[in-house]
Amino acid sequence: MNMEIFSKMLQAVLEVALPMLIASAAGWMIGKCIEIFKKVKDKNPELYEILVVVSRKAVEAAEQIFGGGKGKEKKEYAKAIITKYLSAKGITLDIDVIEAYIEAAVKELKWNGGELSERTEELK
């Protein structure tokens, strides 16, 4: 009987606390992404633009190829495409930076109902 009461109490606490913990974690992640973007943009605005455009294109391509679901496969594909592109340009970046740009492009894709906004700047 005690275990059943404990189980129900734990479930009730988790139902209340879990959404707050998830929201806090998401807020922290967004803050970290913004911090990374600002550092890159301040240090090298041209690289920032390249990362934004390449990340968007890689996310769009992954979505086209893999369709719904398969988030892990899509992310790995996008990372590979971005890394190859940057490598061809002689640019090496920490994988965390690349992943932050991928996450931003995915969020933008979701917020815009499946479409990424267009960038007029050309990749150099």
PDB file of N, CA and C in Angstrom:
ATOM      1  N   MET A   1       0.822  -1.195   0.000  1.00  0.00           N
ATOM      2  CA  MET A   1       0.000   0.000   0.000  1.00  0.00           C
ATOM      3  C   MET A   1       0.867   1.259   0.000  1.00  0.00           C
ATOM      4  N   ASN A   2       1.920   1.287   0.816  1.00  0.00           N
ATOM      5  CA  ASN A   2       2.807   2.430   0.874  1.00  0.00           C
ATOM      6  C   ASN A   2       3.457   2.727  -0.473  1.00  0.00           C
ATOM      7  N   MET A   3       3.835   1.673  -1.181  1.00  0.00           N
ATOM      8  CA  MET A   3       4.484   1.833  -2.477  1.00  0.00           C
ATOM      9  C   MET A   3       3.520   2.452  -3.486  1.00  0.00           C
ATOM     10  N   GLU A   4       2.278   2.089  -3.419  1.00  0.00           N
ATOM     11  CA  GLU A   4       1.266   2.626  -4.333  1.00  0.00           C
ATOM     12  C   GLU A   4       1.067   4.129  -4.092  1.00  0.00           C
ATOM     13  N   ILE A   5       1.022   4.529  -2.829  1.00  0.00           N
ATOM     14  CA  ILE A   5       0.873   5.947  -2.485  1.00  0.00           C
ATOM     15  C   ILE A   5       2.103   6.730  -2.947  1.00  0.00           C
ATOM     16  N   PHE A   6       3.272   6.167  -2.674  1.00  0.00           N
ATOM     17  CA  PHE A   6       4.506   6.809  -3.103  1.00  0.00           C
ATOM     18  C   PHE A   6       4.546   6.969  -4.619  1.00  0.00           C
ATOM     19  N   SER A   7       4.153   5.936  -5.321  1.00  0.00           N
ATOM     20  CA  SER A   7       4.136   5.957  -6.780  1.00  0.00           C
ATOM     21  C   SER A   7       3.210   7.045  -7.312  1.00  0.00           C
ATOM     22  N   LYS A   8       2.029   7.174  -6.730  1.00  0.00           N
ATOM     23  CA  LYS A   8       1.069   8.199  -7.162  1.00  0.00           C
ATOM     24  C   LYS A   8       1.577   9.603  -6.842  1.00  0.00           C
ATOM     25  N   MET A   9       2.217   9.761  -5.680  1.00  0.00           N
ATOM     26  CA  MET A   9       2.779  11.064  -5.319  1.00  0.00           C
ATOM     27  C   MET A   9       3.909  11.448  -6.270  1.00  0.00           C
ATOM     28  N   LEU A  10       4.763  10.487  -6.568  1.00  0.00           N
ATOM     29  CA  LEU A  10       5.867  10.734  -7.480  1.00  0.00           C
ATOM     30  C   LEU A  10       5.334  11.111  -8.859  1.00  0.00           C
ATOM     31  N   GLN A  11       4.321  10.424  -9.320  1.00  0.00           N
ATOM     32  CA  GLN A  11       3.716  10.730 -10.619  1.00  0.00           C
ATOM     33  C   GLN A  11       3.144  12.151 -10.621  1.00  0.00           C
ATOM     34  N   ALA A  12       2.473  12.530  -9.550  1.00  0.00           N
ATOM     35  CA  ALA A  12       1.890  13.870  -9.462  1.00  0.00           C
ATOM     36  C   ALA A  12       2.984  14.940  -9.476  1.00  0.00           C
ATOM     37  N   VAL A  13       4.060  14.707  -8.739  1.00  0.00           N
ATOM     38  CA  VAL A  13       5.166  15.662  -8.701  1.00  0.00           C
ATOM     39  C   VAL A  13       5.802  15.786 -10.082  1.00  0.00           C
ATOM     40  N   LEU A  14       6.011  14.658 -10.741  1.00  0.00           N
ATOM     41  CA  LEU A  14       6.613  14.685 -12.076  1.00  0.00           C
ATOM     42  C   LEU A  14       5.714  15.381 -13.091  1.00  0.00           C
ATOM     43  N   GLU A  15       4.424  15.191 -12.981  1.00  0.00           N
ATOM     44  CA  GLU A  15       3.493  15.845 -13.904  1.00  0.00           C
ATOM     45  C   GLU A  15       3.560  17.361 -13.782  1.00  0.00           C
ATOM     46  N   VAL A  16       3.849  17.838 -12.598  1.00  0.00           N
ATOM     47  CA  VAL A  16       3.962  19.276 -12.380  1.00  0.00           C
ATOM     48  C   VAL A  16       5.370  19.773 -12.707  1.00  0.00           C
ATOM     49  N   ALA A  17       6.382  19.047 -12.257  1.00  0.00           N
ATOM     50  CA  ALA A  17       7.761  19.514 -12.359  1.00  0.00           C
ATOM     51  C   ALA A  17       8.382  19.303 -13.741  1.00  0.00           C
ATOM     52  N   LEU A  18       8.034  18.220 -14.401  1.00  0.00           N
ATOM     53  CA  LEU A  18       8.672  17.891 -15.672  1.00  0.00           C
ATOM     54  C   LEU A  18       8.502  18.973 -16.740  1.00  0.00           C
ATOM     55  N   PRO A  19       7.296  19.502 -16.958  1.00  0.00           N
ATOM     56  CA  PRO A  19       7.180  20.573 -17.955  1.00  0.00           C
ATOM     57  C   PRO A  19       8.044  21.790 -17.625  1.00  0.00           C
ATOM     58  N   MET A  20       8.153  22.118 -16.340  1.00  0.00           N
ATOM     59  CA  MET A  20       8.989  23.251 -15.947  1.00  0.00           C
ATOM     60  C   MET A  20      10.463  22.957 -16.199  1.00  0.00           C
ATOM     61  N   LEU A  21      10.887  21.728 -15.914  1.00  0.00           N
ATOM     62  CA  LEU A  21      12.273  21.349 -16.161  1.00  0.00           C
ATOM     63  C   LEU A  21      12.591  21.366 -17.653  1.00  0.00           C
ATOM     64  N   ILE A  22      11.669  20.885 -18.465  1.00  0.00           N
ATOM     65  CA  ILE A  22      11.867  20.881 -19.919  1.00  0.00           C
ATOM     66  C   ILE A  22      11.937  22.307 -20.436  1.00  0.00           C
ATOM     67  N   ALA A  23      11.045  23.158 -19.965  1.00  0.00           N
ATOM     68  CA  ALA A  23      11.059  24.562 -20.387  1.00  0.00           C
ATOM     69  C   ALA A  23      12.366  25.237 -19.973  1.00  0.00           C
ATOM     70  N   SER A  24      12.840  24.946 -18.779  1.00  0.00           N
ATOM     71  CA  SER A  24      14.105  25.516 -18.315  1.00  0.00           C
ATOM     72  C   SER A  24      15.270  25.038 -19.170  1.00  0.00           C
ATOM     73  N   ALA A  25      15.288  23.754 -19.480  1.00  0.00           N
ATOM     74  CA  ALA A  25      16.356  23.201 -20.319  1.00  0.00           C
ATOM     75  C   ALA A  25      16.312  23.818 -21.712  1.00  0.00           C
ATOM     76  N   ALA A  26      15.126  23.977 -22.262  1.00  0.00           N
ATOM     77  CA  ALA A  26      14.987  24.593 -23.586  1.00  0.00           C
ATOM     78  C   ALA A  26      15.465  26.042 -23.555  1.00  0.00           C
ATOM     79  N   GLY A  27      15.107  26.759 -22.507  1.00  0.00           N
ATOM     80  CA  GLY A  27      15.556  28.135 -22.350  1.00  0.00           C
ATOM     81  C   GLY A  27      17.061  28.240 -22.247  1.00  0.00           C
ATOM     82  N   TRP A  28      17.652  27.320 -21.511  1.00  0.00           N
ATOM     83  CA  TRP A  28      19.105  27.290 -21.381  1.00  0.00           C
ATOM     84  C   TRP A  28      19.752  27.027 -22.731  1.00  0.00           C
ATOM     85  N   MET A  29      19.207  26.046 -23.489  1.00  0.00           N
ATOM     86  CA  MET A  29      19.744  25.715 -24.802  1.00  0.00           C
ATOM     87  C   MET A  29      19.652  26.898 -25.761  1.00  0.00           C
ATOM     88  N   ILE A  30      18.527  27.566 -25.745  1.00  0.00           N
ATOM     89  CA  ILE A  30      18.343  28.730 -26.612  1.00  0.00           C
ATOM     90  C   ILE A  30      19.347  29.814 -26.241  1.00  0.00           C
ATOM     91  N   GLY A  31      19.524  30.023 -24.948  1.00  0.00           N
ATOM     92  CA  GLY A  31      20.504  31.005 -24.492  1.00  0.00           C
ATOM     93  C   GLY A  31      21.914  30.670 -24.953  1.00  0.00           C
ATOM     94  N   LYS A  32      22.289  29.405 -24.870  1.00  0.00           N
ATOM     95  CA  LYS A  32      23.612  28.968 -25.324  1.00  0.00           C
ATOM     96  C   LYS A  32      23.765  29.168 -26.822  1.00  0.00           C
ATOM     97  N   CYS A  33      22.725  28.842 -27.584  1.00  0.00           N
ATOM     98  CA  CYS A  33      22.764  29.033 -29.046  1.00  0.00           C
ATOM     99  C   CYS A  33      22.940  30.507 -29.380  1.00  0.00           C
ATOM    100  N   ILE A  34      22.195  31.354 -28.718  1.00  0.00           N
ATOM    101  CA  ILE A  34      22.296  32.798 -28.963  1.00  0.00           C
ATOM    102  C   ILE A  34      23.702  33.287 -28.638  1.00  0.00           C
ATOM    103  N   GLU A  35      24.256  32.784 -27.555  1.00  0.00           N
ATOM    104  CA  GLU A  35      25.616  33.161 -27.167  1.00  0.00           C
ATOM    105  C   GLU A  35      26.622  32.754 -28.255  1.00  0.00           C
ATOM    106  N   ILE A  36      26.478  31.543 -28.776  1.00  0.00           N
ATOM    107  CA  ILE A  36      27.365  31.070 -29.841  1.00  0.00           C
ATOM    108  C   ILE A  36      27.193  31.923 -31.089  1.00  0.00           C
ATOM    109  N   PHE A  37      25.941  32.187 -31.482  1.00  0.00           N
ATOM    110  CA  PHE A  37      25.687  32.994 -32.676  1.00  0.00           C
ATOM    111  C   PHE A  37      26.312  34.378 -32.545  1.00  0.00           C
ATOM    112  N   LYS A  38      26.150  34.990 -31.373  1.00  0.00           N
ATOM    113  CA  LYS A  38      26.678  36.337 -31.158  1.00  0.00           C
ATOM    114  C   LYS A  38      28.197  36.346 -31.269  1.00  0.00           C
ATOM    115  N   LYS A  39      28.844  35.348 -30.685  1.00  0.00           N
ATOM    116  CA  LYS A  39      30.303  35.280 -30.756  1.00  0.00           C
ATOM    117  C   LYS A  39      30.768  35.155 -32.204  1.00  0.00           C
ATOM    118  N   VAL A  40      30.123  34.271 -32.958  1.00  0.00           N
ATOM    119  CA  VAL A  40      30.516  34.079 -34.350  1.00  0.00           C
ATOM    120  C   VAL A  40      30.234  35.340 -35.156  1.00  0.00           C
ATOM    121  N   LYS A  41      29.048  35.921 -34.966  1.00  0.00           N
ATOM    122  CA  LYS A  41      28.667  37.112 -35.734  1.00  0.00           C
ATOM    123  C   LYS A  41      29.586  38.288 -35.428  1.00  0.00           C
ATOM    124  N   ASP A  42      29.926  38.482 -34.158  1.00  0.00           N
ATOM    125  CA  ASP A  42      30.807  39.581 -33.774  1.00  0.00           C
ATOM    126  C   ASP A  42      32.228  39.377 -34.294  1.00  0.00           C
ATOM    127  N   LYS A  43      32.692  38.147 -34.229  1.00  0.00           N
ATOM    128  CA  LYS A  43      34.070  37.850 -34.619  1.00  0.00           C
ATOM    129  C   LYS A  43      34.235  37.800 -36.138  1.00  0.00           C
ATOM    130  N   ASN A  44      33.235  37.219 -36.825  1.00  0.00           N
ATOM    131  CA  ASN A  44      33.356  37.044 -38.276  1.00  0.00           C
ATOM    132  C   ASN A  44      31.963  37.060 -38.912  1.00  0.00           C
ATOM    133  N   PRO A  45      31.451  38.246 -39.249  1.00  0.00           N
ATOM    134  CA  PRO A  45      30.094  38.349 -39.810  1.00  0.00           C
ATOM    135  C   PRO A  45      29.897  37.541 -41.089  1.00  0.00           C
ATOM    136  N   GLU A  46      30.939  37.444 -41.901  1.00  0.00           N
ATOM    137  CA  GLU A  46      30.821  36.672 -43.147  1.00  0.00           C
ATOM    138  C   GLU A  46      30.617  35.185 -42.838  1.00  0.00           C
ATOM    139  N   LEU A  47      31.364  34.673 -41.872  1.00  0.00           N
ATOM    140  CA  LEU A  47      31.201  33.267 -41.465  1.00  0.00           C
ATOM    141  C   LEU A  47      29.804  33.039 -40.896  1.00  0.00           C
ATOM    142  N   TYR A  48      29.323  33.989 -40.133  1.00  0.00           N
ATOM    143  CA  TYR A  48      27.974  33.885 -39.579  1.00  0.00           C
ATOM    144  C   TYR A  48      26.949  33.705 -40.702  1.00  0.00           C
ATOM    145  N   GLU A  49      27.026  34.537 -41.727  1.00  0.00           N
ATOM    146  CA  GLU A  49      26.087  34.440 -42.852  1.00  0.00           C
ATOM    147  C   GLU A  49      26.218  33.105 -43.567  1.00  0.00           C
ATOM    148  N   ILE A  50      27.448  32.662 -43.772  1.00  0.00           N
ATOM    149  CA  ILE A  50      27.663  31.359 -44.421  1.00  0.00           C
ATOM    150  C   ILE A  50      27.020  30.252 -43.598  1.00  0.00           C
ATOM    151  N   LEU A  51      27.245  30.261 -42.288  1.00  0.00           N
ATOM    152  CA  LEU A  51      26.675  29.216 -41.425  1.00  0.00           C
ATOM    153  C   LEU A  51      25.153  29.229 -41.445  1.00  0.00           C
ATOM    154  N   VAL A  52      24.564  30.411 -41.431  1.00  0.00           N
ATOM    155  CA  VAL A  52      23.101  30.502 -41.454  1.00  0.00           C
ATOM    156  C   VAL A  52      22.562  29.890 -42.741  1.00  0.00           C
ATOM    157  N   VAL A  53      23.127  30.281 -43.866  1.00  0.00           N
ATOM    158  CA  VAL A  53      22.626  29.806 -45.160  1.00  0.00           C
ATOM    159  C   VAL A  53      22.875  28.306 -45.335  1.00  0.00           C
ATOM    160  N   VAL A  54      24.092  27.863 -45.047  1.00  0.00           N
ATOM    161  CA  VAL A  54      24.428  26.446 -45.224  1.00  0.00           C
ATOM    162  C   VAL A  54      23.602  25.569 -44.289  1.00  0.00           C
ATOM    163  N   SER A  55      23.402  26.020 -43.065  1.00  0.00           N
ATOM    164  CA  SER A  55      22.601  25.243 -42.108  1.00  0.00           C
ATOM    165  C   SER A  55      21.164  25.099 -42.594  1.00  0.00           C
ATOM    166  N   ARG A  56      20.609  26.174 -43.085  1.00  0.00           N
ATOM    167  CA  ARG A  56      19.234  26.125 -43.599  1.00  0.00           C
ATOM    168  C   ARG A  56      19.125  25.162 -44.770  1.00  0.00           C
ATOM    169  N   LYS A  57      20.063  25.253 -45.691  1.00  0.00           N
ATOM    170  CA  LYS A  57      20.029  24.372 -46.863  1.00  0.00           C
ATOM    171  C   LYS A  57      20.218  22.912 -46.455  1.00  0.00           C
ATOM    172  N   ALA A  58      21.120  22.658 -45.523  1.00  0.00           N
ATOM    173  CA  ALA A  58      21.361  21.284 -45.071  1.00  0.00           C
ATOM    174  C   ALA A  58      20.133  20.713 -44.369  1.00  0.00           C
ATOM    175  N   VAL A  59      19.460  21.534 -43.557  1.00  0.00           N
ATOM    176  CA  VAL A  59      18.247  21.084 -42.861  1.00  0.00           C
ATOM    177  C   VAL A  59      17.125  20.826 -43.872  1.00  0.00           C
ATOM    178  N   GLU A  60      16.988  21.702 -44.857  1.00  0.00           N
ATOM    179  CA  GLU A  60      15.974  21.492 -45.897  1.00  0.00           C
ATOM    180  C   GLU A  60      16.244  20.202 -46.656  1.00  0.00           C
ATOM    181  N   ALA A  61      17.506  19.968 -47.007  1.00  0.00           N
ATOM    182  CA  ALA A  61      17.870  18.751 -47.735  1.00  0.00           C
ATOM    183  C   ALA A  61      17.588  17.509 -46.894  1.00  0.00           C
ATOM    184  N   ALA A  62      17.954  17.560 -45.632  1.00  0.00           N
ATOM    185  CA  ALA A  62      17.704  16.412 -44.745  1.00  0.00           C
ATOM    186  C   ALA A  62      16.213  16.134 -44.629  1.00  0.00           C
ATOM    187  N   GLU A  63      15.425  17.180 -44.536  1.00  0.00           N
ATOM    188  CA  GLU A  63      13.966  17.021 -44.436  1.00  0.00           C
ATOM    189  C   GLU A  63      13.415  16.398 -45.711  1.00  0.00           C
ATOM    190  N   GLN A  64      13.910  16.834 -46.849  1.00  0.00           N
ATOM    191  CA  GLN A  64      13.466  16.287 -48.137  1.00  0.00           C
ATOM    192  C   GLN A  64      13.835  14.805 -48.257  1.00  0.00           C
ATOM    193  N   ILE A  65      15.042  14.475 -47.862  1.00  0.00           N
ATOM    194  CA  ILE A  65      15.531  13.104 -48.026  1.00  0.00           C
ATOM    195  C   ILE A  65      14.878  12.142 -47.045  1.00  0.00           C
ATOM    196  N   PHE A  66      14.799  12.531 -45.766  1.00  0.00           N
ATOM    197  CA  PHE A  66      14.336  11.611 -44.734  1.00  0.00           C
ATOM    198  C   PHE A  66      12.862  11.760 -44.383  1.00  0.00           C
ATOM    199  N   GLY A  67      12.236  12.873 -44.717  1.00  0.00           N
ATOM    200  CA  GLY A  67      10.830  13.083 -44.387  1.00  0.00           C
ATOM    201  C   GLY A  67      10.608  13.238 -42.895  1.00  0.00           C
ATOM    202  N   GLY A  68       9.403  12.910 -42.443  1.00  0.00           N
ATOM    203  CA  GLY A  68       9.046  13.051 -41.030  1.00  0.00           C
ATOM    204  C   GLY A  68       9.782  12.064 -40.150  1.00  0.00           C
ATOM    205  N   GLY A  69       9.990  12.465 -38.905  1.00  0.00           N
ATOM    206  CA  GLY A  69      10.696  11.598 -37.966  1.00  0.00           C
ATOM    207  C   GLY A  69      12.170  11.516 -38.301  1.00  0.00           C
ATOM    208  N   LYS A  70      12.829  10.472 -37.843  1.00  0.00           N
ATOM    209  CA  LYS A  70      14.240  10.216 -38.122  1.00  0.00           C
ATOM    210  C   LYS A  70      15.132  11.414 -37.801  1.00  0.00           C
ATOM    211  N   GLY A  71      14.860  12.062 -36.675  1.00  0.00           N
ATOM    212  CA  GLY A  71      15.610  13.251 -36.285  1.00  0.00           C
ATOM    213  C   GLY A  71      17.107  13.033 -36.194  1.00  0.00           C
ATOM    214  N   LYS A  72      17.512  11.902 -35.638  1.00  0.00           N
ATOM    215  CA  LYS A  72      18.936  11.628 -35.477  1.00  0.00           C
ATOM    216  C   LYS A  72      19.620  11.511 -36.845  1.00  0.00           C
ATOM    217  N   GLU A  73      18.998  10.787 -37.761  1.00  0.00           N
ATOM    218  CA  GLU A  73      19.567  10.625 -39.099  1.00  0.00           C
ATOM    219  C   GLU A  73      19.642  11.961 -39.829  1.00  0.00           C
ATOM    220  N   LYS A  74      18.583  12.768 -39.689  1.00  0.00           N
ATOM    221  CA  LYS A  74      18.569  14.072 -40.349  1.00  0.00           C
ATOM    222  C   LYS A  74      19.677  14.975 -39.795  1.00  0.00           C
ATOM    223  N   LYS A  75      19.857  14.952 -38.479  1.00  0.00           N
ATOM    224  CA  LYS A  75      20.887  15.792 -37.873  1.00  0.00           C
ATOM    225  C   LYS A  75      22.279  15.357 -38.324  1.00  0.00           C
ATOM    226  N   GLU A  76      22.526  14.055 -38.361  1.00  0.00           N
ATOM    227  CA  GLU A  76      23.825  13.551 -38.805  1.00  0.00           C
ATOM    228  C   GLU A  76      24.087  13.923 -40.261  1.00  0.00           C
ATOM    229  N   TYR A  77      23.056  13.822 -41.085  1.00  0.00           N
ATOM    230  CA  TYR A  77      23.182  14.195 -42.492  1.00  0.00           C
ATOM    231  C   TYR A  77      23.517  15.683 -42.621  1.00  0.00           C
ATOM    232  N   ALA A  78      22.774  16.523 -41.907  1.00  0.00           N
ATOM    233  CA  ALA A  78      23.011  17.969 -41.957  1.00  0.00           C
ATOM    234  C   ALA A  78      24.420  18.302 -41.475  1.00  0.00           C
ATOM    235  N   LYS A  79      24.868  17.657 -40.387  1.00  0.00           N
ATOM    236  CA  LYS A  79      26.228  17.900 -39.885  1.00  0.00           C
ATOM    237  C   LYS A  79      27.263  17.535 -40.943  1.00  0.00           C
ATOM    238  N   ALA A  80      27.062  16.399 -41.603  1.00  0.00           N
ATOM    239  CA  ALA A  80      28.017  15.956 -42.627  1.00  0.00           C
ATOM    240  C   ALA A  80      28.072  16.941 -43.791  1.00  0.00           C
ATOM    241  N   ILE A  81      26.914  17.406 -44.238  1.00  0.00           N
ATOM    242  CA  ILE A  81      26.865  18.350 -45.357  1.00  0.00           C
ATOM    243  C   ILE A  81      27.565  19.657 -44.987  1.00  0.00           C
ATOM    244  N   ILE A  82      27.245  20.178 -43.815  1.00  0.00           N
ATOM    245  CA  ILE A  82      27.839  21.449 -43.381  1.00  0.00           C
ATOM    246  C   ILE A  82      29.347  21.304 -43.213  1.00  0.00           C
ATOM    247  N   THR A  83      29.765  20.228 -42.585  1.00  0.00           N
ATOM    248  CA  THR A  83      31.198  20.001 -42.369  1.00  0.00           C
ATOM    249  C   THR A  83      31.938  19.901 -43.698  1.00  0.00           C
ATOM    250  N   LYS A  84      31.363  19.175 -44.672  1.00  0.00           N
ATOM    251  CA  LYS A  84      31.997  19.058 -45.990  1.00  0.00           C
ATOM    252  C   LYS A  84      32.085  20.418 -46.678  1.00  0.00           C
ATOM    253  N   TYR A  85      31.022  21.177 -46.610  1.00  0.00           N
ATOM    254  CA  TYR A  85      31.018  22.495 -47.241  1.00  0.00           C
ATOM    255  C   TYR A  85      32.086  23.389 -46.615  1.00  0.00           C
ATOM    256  N   LEU A  86      32.094  23.450 -45.299  1.00  0.00           N
ATOM    257  CA  LEU A  86      33.064  24.301 -44.605  1.00  0.00           C
ATOM    258  C   LEU A  86      34.490  23.836 -44.871  1.00  0.00           C
ATOM    259  N   SER A  87      34.689  22.531 -44.887  1.00  0.00           N
ATOM    260  CA  SER A  87      36.011  21.976 -45.154  1.00  0.00           C
ATOM    261  C   SER A  87      36.501  22.377 -46.544  1.00  0.00           C
ATOM    262  N   ALA A  88      35.599  22.346 -47.521  1.00  0.00           N
ATOM    263  CA  ALA A  88      35.959  22.751 -48.884  1.00  0.00           C
ATOM    264  C   ALA A  88      36.363  24.222 -48.935  1.00  0.00           C
ATOM    265  N   LYS A  89      35.840  25.012 -48.000  1.00  0.00           N
ATOM    266  CA  LYS A  89      36.185  26.436 -47.917  1.00  0.00           C
ATOM    267  C   LYS A  89      37.379  26.690 -46.993  1.00  0.00           C
ATOM    268  N   GLY A  90      37.935  25.602 -46.431  1.00  0.00           N
ATOM    269  CA  GLY A  90      39.075  25.742 -45.526  1.00  0.00           C
ATOM    270  C   GLY A  90      38.695  26.212 -44.139  1.00  0.00           C
ATOM    271  N   ILE A  91      37.437  25.985 -43.753  1.00  0.00           N
ATOM    272  CA  ILE A  91      36.935  26.434 -42.452  1.00  0.00           C
ATOM    273  C   ILE A  91      36.721  25.221 -41.557  1.00  0.00           C
ATOM    274  N   THR A  92      37.288  25.269 -40.356  1.00  0.00           N
ATOM    275  CA  THR A  92      37.039  24.220 -39.367  1.00  0.00           C
ATOM    276  C   THR A  92      36.371  24.833 -38.158  1.00  0.00           C
ATOM    277  N   LEU A  93      35.310  24.189 -37.706  1.00  0.00           N
ATOM    278  CA  LEU A  93      34.571  24.679 -36.539  1.00  0.00           C
ATOM    279  C   LEU A  93      34.311  23.539 -35.580  1.00  0.00           C
ATOM    280  N   ASP A  94      34.149  23.896 -34.336  1.00  0.00           N
ATOM    281  CA  ASP A  94      33.750  22.938 -33.310  1.00  0.00           C
ATOM    282  C   ASP A  94      32.368  22.397 -33.668  1.00  0.00           C
ATOM    283  N   ILE A  95      32.163  21.123 -33.473  1.00  0.00           N
ATOM    284  CA  ILE A  95      30.892  20.478 -33.831  1.00  0.00           C
ATOM    285  C   ILE A  95      29.724  21.093 -33.059  1.00  0.00           C
ATOM    286  N   ASP A  96      29.977  21.600 -31.843  1.00  0.00           N
ATOM    287  CA  ASP A  96      28.910  22.242 -31.060  1.00  0.00           C
ATOM    288  C   ASP A  96      28.371  23.484 -31.763  1.00  0.00           C
ATOM    289  N   VAL A  97      29.246  24.208 -32.433  1.00  0.00           N
ATOM    290  CA  VAL A  97      28.815  25.398 -33.172  1.00  0.00           C
ATOM    291  C   VAL A  97      27.926  24.969 -34.341  1.00  0.00           C
ATOM    292  N   ILE A  98      28.362  23.967 -35.065  1.00  0.00           N
ATOM    293  CA  ILE A  98      27.578  23.468 -36.205  1.00  0.00           C
ATOM    294  C   ILE A  98      26.218  22.968 -35.730  1.00  0.00           C
ATOM    295  N   GLU A  99      26.203  22.220 -34.642  1.00  0.00           N
ATOM    296  CA  GLU A  99      24.941  21.701 -34.108  1.00  0.00           C
ATOM    297  C   GLU A  99      24.008  22.829 -33.674  1.00  0.00           C
ATOM    298  N   ALA A 100      24.552  23.893 -33.129  1.00  0.00           N
ATOM    299  CA  ALA A 100      23.717  25.032 -32.716  1.00  0.00           C
ATOM    300  C   ALA A 100      23.036  25.655 -33.933  1.00  0.00           C
ATOM    301  N   TYR A 101      23.759  25.797 -35.022  1.00  0.00           N
ATOM    302  CA  TYR A 101      23.169  26.359 -36.236  1.00  0.00           C
ATOM    303  C   TYR A 101      22.136  25.416 -36.839  1.00  0.00           C
ATOM    304  N   ILE A 102      22.369  24.120 -36.753  1.00  0.00           N
ATOM    305  CA  ILE A 102      21.374  23.153 -37.224  1.00  0.00           C
ATOM    306  C   ILE A 102      20.098  23.279 -36.397  1.00  0.00           C
ATOM    307  N   GLU A 103      20.239  23.331 -35.081  1.00  0.00           N
ATOM    308  CA  GLU A 103      19.059  23.448 -34.211  1.00  0.00           C
ATOM    309  C   GLU A 103      18.283  24.727 -34.506  1.00  0.00           C
ATOM    310  N   ALA A 104      19.000  25.815 -34.752  1.00  0.00           N
ATOM    311  CA  ALA A 104      18.326  27.078 -35.073  1.00  0.00           C
ATOM    312  C   ALA A 104      17.553  26.957 -36.382  1.00  0.00           C
ATOM    313  N   ALA A 105      18.142  26.303 -37.370  1.00  0.00           N
ATOM    314  CA  ALA A 105      17.455  26.127 -38.653  1.00  0.00           C
ATOM    315  C   ALA A 105      16.230  25.226 -38.503  1.00  0.00           C
ATOM    316  N   VAL A 106      16.347  24.191 -37.675  1.00  0.00           N
ATOM    317  CA  VAL A 106      15.205  23.301 -37.426  1.00  0.00           C
ATOM    318  C   VAL A 106      14.079  24.073 -36.747  1.00  0.00           C
ATOM    319  N   LYS A 107      14.426  24.872 -35.743  1.00  0.00           N
ATOM    320  CA  LYS A 107      13.403  25.675 -35.049  1.00  0.00           C
ATOM    321  C   LYS A 107      12.732  26.641 -36.014  1.00  0.00           C
ATOM    322  N   GLU A 108      13.524  27.274 -36.854  1.00  0.00           N
ATOM    323  CA  GLU A 108      12.955  28.208 -37.830  1.00  0.00           C
ATOM    324  C   GLU A 108      12.019  27.481 -38.788  1.00  0.00           C
ATOM    325  N   LEU A 109      12.422  26.288 -39.200  1.00  0.00           N
ATOM    326  CA  LEU A 109      11.598  25.478 -40.092  1.00  0.00           C
ATOM    327  C   LEU A 109      10.257  25.165 -39.439  1.00  0.00           C
ATOM    328  N   LYS A 110      10.280  24.806 -38.163  1.00  0.00           N
ATOM    329  CA  LYS A 110       9.042  24.494 -37.437  1.00  0.00           C
ATOM    330  C   LYS A 110       8.186  25.743 -37.246  1.00  0.00           C
ATOM    331  N   TRP A 111       8.806  26.857 -36.909  1.00  0.00           N
ATOM    332  CA  TRP A 111       8.056  28.092 -36.659  1.00  0.00           C
ATOM    333  C   TRP A 111       7.409  28.631 -37.923  1.00  0.00           C
ATOM    334  N   ASN A 112       8.047  28.401 -39.064  1.00  0.00           N
ATOM    335  CA  ASN A 112       7.531  28.920 -40.326  1.00  0.00           C
ATOM    336  C   ASN A 112       6.686  27.905 -41.083  1.00  0.00           C
ATOM    337  N   GLY A 113       6.171  26.923 -40.388  1.00  0.00           N
ATOM    338  CA  GLY A 113       5.295  25.949 -41.018  1.00  0.00           C
ATOM    339  C   GLY A 113       5.962  25.124 -42.095  1.00  0.00           C
ATOM    340  N   GLY A 114       7.218  24.774 -41.905  1.00  0.00           N
ATOM    341  CA  GLY A 114       7.900  23.907 -42.842  1.00  0.00           C
ATOM    342  C   GLY A 114       8.704  24.622 -43.910  1.00  0.00           C
ATOM    343  N   GLU A 115       8.812  25.947 -43.812  1.00  0.00           N
ATOM    344  CA  GLU A 115       9.589  26.690 -44.806  1.00  0.00           C
ATOM    345  C   GLU A 115      10.587  27.600 -44.104  1.00  0.00           C
ATOM    346  N   LEU A 116      11.785  27.623 -44.643  1.00  0.00           N
ATOM    347  CA  LEU A 116      12.804  28.515 -44.118  1.00  0.00           C
ATOM    348  C   LEU A 116      12.749  29.825 -44.881  1.00  0.00           C
ATOM    349  N   SER A 117      13.043  30.919 -44.183  1.00  0.00           N
ATOM    350  CA  SER A 117      13.036  32.225 -44.854  1.00  0.00           C
ATOM    351  C   SER A 117      14.206  32.278 -45.827  1.00  0.00           C
ATOM    352  N   GLU A 118      14.026  33.049 -46.871  1.00  0.00           N
ATOM    353  CA  GLU A 118      15.057  33.163 -47.911  1.00  0.00           C
ATOM    354  C   GLU A 118      16.138  34.150 -47.488  1.00  0.00           C
ATOM    355  N   ARG A 119      17.358  33.894 -47.853  1.00  0.00           N
ATOM    356  CA  ARG A 119      18.480  34.795 -47.665  1.00  0.00           C
ATOM    357  C   ARG A 119      18.871  35.277 -49.047  1.00  0.00           C
ATOM    358  N   THR A 120      19.093  36.551 -49.198  1.00  0.00           N
ATOM    359  CA  THR A 120      19.470  37.082 -50.493  1.00  0.00           C
ATOM    360  C   THR A 120      20.978  37.038 -50.722  1.00  0.00           C
ATOM    361  N   GLU A 121      21.743  36.948 -49.638  1.00  0.00           N
ATOM    362  CA  GLU A 121      23.186  36.913 -49.782  1.00  0.00           C
ATOM    363  C   GLU A 121      23.623  35.582 -50.403  1.00  0.00           C
ATOM    364  N   GLU A 122      24.589  35.671 -51.279  1.00  0.00           N
ATOM    365  CA  GLU A 122      25.131  34.470 -51.913  1.00  0.00           C
ATOM    366  C   GLU A 122      26.279  33.928 -51.060  1.00  0.00           C
ATOM    367  N   LEU A 123      26.449  32.614 -51.109  1.00  0.00           N
ATOM    368  CA  LEU A 123      27.605  32.001 -50.434  1.00  0.00           C
ATOM    369  C   LEU A 123      28.843  32.282 -51.256  1.00  0.00           C
ATOM    370  N   LYS A 124      29.920  32.576 -50.577  1.00  0.00           N
ATOM    371  CA  LYS A 124      31.173  32.877 -51.291  1.00  0.00           C
ATOM    372  C   LYS A 124      32.083  31.675 -51.275  1.00  0.00           C
TER     373      LYS A 124
END
